[in-house]
Amino acid sequence: MATDHPVTQAVRVLRAHGVPFKPHQYAWREGGGTAASSAALGAPEHAVVKTLIMEDDQRRPLVVLMHGDKQVSTKNLARQIGARSVQPCKPEVADRHSGYQVGGTSPFGTKSALPVYCQRTILELERIWINGGGRGFLVEIDPKDLVRVLQPTLVDAAVDG
């Protein structure tokens, strides 16, 4: 079956779970972030969900899903998950934990099973655009499918960035 998009581990997971998705590719650029992807795809930045690999004070890795136009309050997140602190992983550490390259990190099909924390307000959106497992590759899905597949813990950790 021919596809017009990469067949990543994330795509394989979505297919295995019967998740309908619409692939979107764009010209990725270093440091562009969700502002660049939302502009390239014509998607609201609030609905572009970034996948962040972080670690707690015990250096246990975790995934945080956040609106593209928001930042994570690591203090609020740590309090909600029962950790003393939470901080972003260095890019090379994040790559090792996720099996993806920073800028192309998907919460679907990570190298090892990682706990997933999702900003609660993401579930209020009708559609979300989330990384499909490669730089410049997002998949558009229903957030209910994200919950069904990942079973994330919902958190309130968004702050204006």
Protein backbone atom coordinates (compact mmCIF):
# COMPACT_ATOMS: atom_id res chain seq x y z
CA MET A 1 0.00 0.00 0.00
CA ALA A 2 1.55 3.30 -1.08
CA THR A 3 1.53 6.21 1.32
CA ASP A 4 2.35 9.87 0.85
CA HIS A 5 3.89 10.14 4.29
CA PRO A 6 6.57 8.41 6.36
CA VAL A 7 5.65 5.12 8.00
CA THR A 8 7.13 5.71 11.44
CA GLN A 9 6.75 3.75 14.63
CA ALA A 10 4.07 6.27 15.63
CA VAL A 11 2.12 5.60 12.41
CA ARG A 12 2.37 1.85 13.07
CA VAL A 13 0.94 2.34 16.58
CA LEU A 14 -1.91 4.52 15.29
CA ARG A 15 -2.76 1.94 12.62
CA ALA A 16 -2.57 -0.94 15.13
CA HIS A 17 -5.12 0.90 17.32
CA GLY A 18 -7.39 1.76 14.39
CA VAL A 19 -6.88 5.50 14.84
CA PRO A 20 -7.99 7.52 11.81
CA PHE A 21 -5.43 10.23 11.15
CA LYS A 22 -4.63 12.78 8.51
CA PRO A 23 -0.88 13.12 7.78
CA HIS A 24 0.67 16.55 7.31
CA GLN A 25 4.21 17.23 6.15
CA TYR A 26 5.98 20.58 6.16
CA ALA A 27 9.51 21.96 5.84
CA TRP A 28 10.90 21.54 9.36
CA ARG A 29 13.51 23.99 10.57
CA GLU A 30 15.66 24.03 13.69
CA GLY A 31 14.10 26.16 16.42
CA GLY A 32 10.86 26.69 14.49
CA GLY A 33 8.72 24.85 17.02
CA THR A 34 4.95 24.85 16.95
CA ALA A 35 4.77 28.41 15.58
CA ALA A 36 6.44 27.22 12.38
CA SER A 37 4.39 24.04 12.04
CA SER A 38 1.08 25.79 12.73
CA ALA A 39 1.90 28.51 10.18
CA ALA A 40 3.00 25.97 7.57
CA LEU A 41 -0.09 23.79 8.04
CA GLY A 42 -2.67 26.51 8.71
CA ALA A 43 -3.49 24.90 12.06
CA PRO A 44 -4.17 26.92 15.22
CA GLU A 45 -1.02 26.83 17.36
CA HIS A 46 -3.17 26.10 20.41
CA ALA A 47 -4.22 22.82 18.73
CA VAL A 48 -0.66 21.82 17.78
CA VAL A 49 0.41 19.59 20.65
CA LYS A 50 4.06 19.43 21.55
CA THR A 51 5.57 16.24 22.95
CA LEU A 52 8.14 17.01 25.63
CA ILE A 53 10.43 14.46 27.24
CA MET A 54 11.16 15.46 30.83
CA GLU A 55 12.49 13.78 33.95
CA ASP A 56 11.65 13.97 37.62
CA ASP A 57 14.05 14.49 40.52
CA GLN A 58 14.80 10.74 40.47
CA ARG A 59 15.77 11.08 36.76
CA ARG A 60 12.77 9.00 35.72
CA PRO A 61 11.69 10.00 32.21
CA LEU A 62 8.15 11.08 31.39
CA VAL A 63 6.20 12.52 28.48
CA VAL A 64 4.33 15.81 28.74
CA LEU A 65 1.80 16.84 26.08
CA MET A 66 1.19 20.59 25.95
CA HIS A 67 -0.54 23.14 23.73
CA GLY A 68 1.88 24.66 21.24
CA ASP A 69 1.21 28.18 22.46
CA LYS A 70 1.72 27.35 26.14
CA GLN A 71 4.63 26.41 28.37
CA VAL A 72 4.78 23.76 31.09
CA SER A 73 4.91 24.98 34.67
CA THR A 74 7.37 22.38 35.91
CA LYS A 75 6.58 23.40 39.49
CA ASN A 76 2.83 22.76 39.02
CA LEU A 77 3.53 19.53 37.14
CA ALA A 78 5.89 18.22 39.83
CA ARG A 79 3.32 18.94 42.54
CA GLN A 80 0.57 17.15 40.59
CA ILE A 81 2.63 14.03 39.89
CA GLY A 82 4.14 13.78 43.37
CA ALA A 83 7.72 14.66 42.41
CA ARG A 84 10.02 17.18 44.06
CA SER A 85 10.93 18.63 40.68
CA VAL A 86 10.58 18.08 36.95
CA GLN A 87 12.85 19.41 34.23
CA PRO A 88 13.29 18.94 30.49
CA CYS A 89 15.78 16.29 29.44
CA LYS A 90 18.84 17.28 27.43
CA PRO A 91 18.16 16.55 23.74
CA GLU A 92 20.45 13.51 23.58
CA VAL A 93 18.84 12.05 26.72
CA ALA A 94 15.35 12.73 25.36
CA ASP A 95 16.31 10.97 22.11
CA ARG A 96 17.52 7.92 24.06
CA HIS A 97 14.33 7.69 26.14
CA SER A 98 11.89 8.22 23.28
CA GLY A 99 13.67 6.58 20.37
CA TYR A 100 12.87 9.69 18.33
CA GLN A 101 14.96 12.71 17.40
CA VAL A 102 14.09 15.96 19.21
CA GLY A 103 11.88 17.94 16.85
CA GLY A 104 10.30 14.68 15.68
CA THR A 105 9.24 13.19 19.01
CA SER A 106 5.87 11.47 19.05
CA PRO A 107 4.15 10.17 22.18
CA PHE A 108 3.08 7.14 20.13
CA GLY A 109 5.54 4.26 19.86
CA THR A 110 8.24 5.49 22.22
CA LYS A 111 11.25 3.20 22.58
CA SER A 112 10.30 2.34 26.15
CA ALA A 113 6.97 2.70 27.90
CA LEU A 114 6.95 6.13 29.52
CA PRO A 115 4.26 7.69 31.71
CA VAL A 116 2.32 10.27 29.72
CA TYR A 117 0.92 13.47 31.25
CA CYS A 118 -1.46 15.47 29.11
CA GLN A 119 -2.62 19.04 29.67
CA ARG A 120 -6.32 18.60 30.48
CA THR A 121 -7.53 21.40 28.17
CA ILE A 122 -6.15 19.57 25.09
CA LEU A 123 -9.16 17.25 25.39
CA GLU A 124 -11.52 20.20 24.87
CA LEU A 125 -10.28 20.59 21.29
CA GLU A 126 -12.10 19.08 18.33
CA ARG A 127 -8.90 18.14 16.46
CA ILE A 128 -5.22 18.16 17.38
CA TRP A 129 -2.03 18.11 15.34
CA ILE A 130 0.69 16.03 17.04
CA ASN A 131 4.06 14.73 15.95
CA GLY A 132 3.90 11.62 13.80
CA GLY A 133 7.43 10.48 14.58
CA GLY A 134 9.59 12.62 12.32
CA ARG A 135 10.76 16.19 11.91
CA GLY A 136 8.26 18.02 9.70
CA PHE A 137 5.56 15.36 10.10
CA LEU A 138 2.39 15.89 12.15
CA VAL A 139 -0.74 13.78 12.29
CA GLU A 140 -4.17 15.30 12.78
CA ILE A 141 -6.33 13.23 15.12
CA ASP A 142 -9.29 13.41 17.48
CA PRO A 143 -7.97 13.97 21.03
CA LYS A 144 -10.28 11.16 22.20
CA ASP A 145 -8.07 8.77 20.24
CA LEU A 146 -5.01 10.13 22.01
CA VAL A 147 -6.64 9.29 25.33
CA ARG A 148 -7.74 5.86 24.13
CA VAL A 149 -4.28 4.86 22.93
CA LEU A 150 -2.00 6.55 25.48
CA GLN A 151 -4.24 6.59 28.57
CA PRO A 152 -2.47 9.71 29.87
CA THR A 153 -2.75 11.20 33.31
CA LEU A 154 -4.49 14.56 32.92
CA VAL A 155 -2.77 17.56 34.49
CA ASP A 156 -3.18 21.33 34.70
CA ALA A 157 0.32 22.66 34.10
CA ALA A 158 -0.12 25.18 31.25
CA VAL A 159 1.20 28.70 31.59
CA ASP A 160 1.46 31.42 28.98
CA GLY A 161 4.84 31.29 27.32
